[in-house]
Amino acid sequence: MSTHRCIVRKRVLRYREKGERGLESLPPIPKSQPTRLDPQLERLVLLLSDSSGFGPKRLHYWLKRNLRIEISISTTAKYLNKHRKTRKHLKREHHNSFDWKSLPLFSALQMDTKEILDSKVFTQEEKWLYERLGLPLYQFTAIFPGTRARLISFSLQNTLKFSLF
C-alpha cells in the first residue's frame, strides 16, 4: 500500500478512540485559527493605526489596556502588512563627532588619571607595603586617538606639574 507505519498506527488509534468515524479524513484547515480576525476587529485595527499612527506593538498594548481585546502582536502586524499600513524605516547614517583619522599623527591626545591603590587588585598587605616603599600612587595615560598609541607615566602626586611628561 506504500503507506508509512506511523500513519497507519495513527489512523488505527483514532479509529479505536472515536469509533466508526475515526478513519475519515479530516479537513486540512484547523478549527481554531489564532492569527485570523473577525472583519470588525480587522477594521478596528486599521482605523486605530490610521488615526494614531501606532505600530503593531503599540496597537496590541493599546487594545489590551483600553478595550480589553486580546490580539497578538504578530496578528496585528500581519493585518497591517496585508493592508500596507506599515512604514519603512529609514537607514540613518551615524557620523562620528570628530574625524580623528584625518589629524596628523600625535597632534591630539586624550589624558586619563588613575589612582593605583584604588583598584581591587591589591590586598591590604600589598597596599601597606606599596605605601611603605614610597612607590608612585598615580598613573597617567596619554592616548593618541589617530593611532591608539599609549604612553604611561607614574607619579607621586596628582597635579598638573606631574602629569606633564
Foldseek 3Di string as FASTA:
>chain_A
DPDDPVVVVCLVVQCVVPPPCSNDDDDPDDPDDLLDDDPVVLVVLVVCCVVPVDALVVSQVCCCPPVVDHRDSVSSNVSCVVVVVDDDDDDDDDDDPDDLQPDDWPPDKDKDKDFPVVDPPDDPVVVVVCVVVQHFGMKMWIARVNVRDIDIDTHNDDDPVVNPD
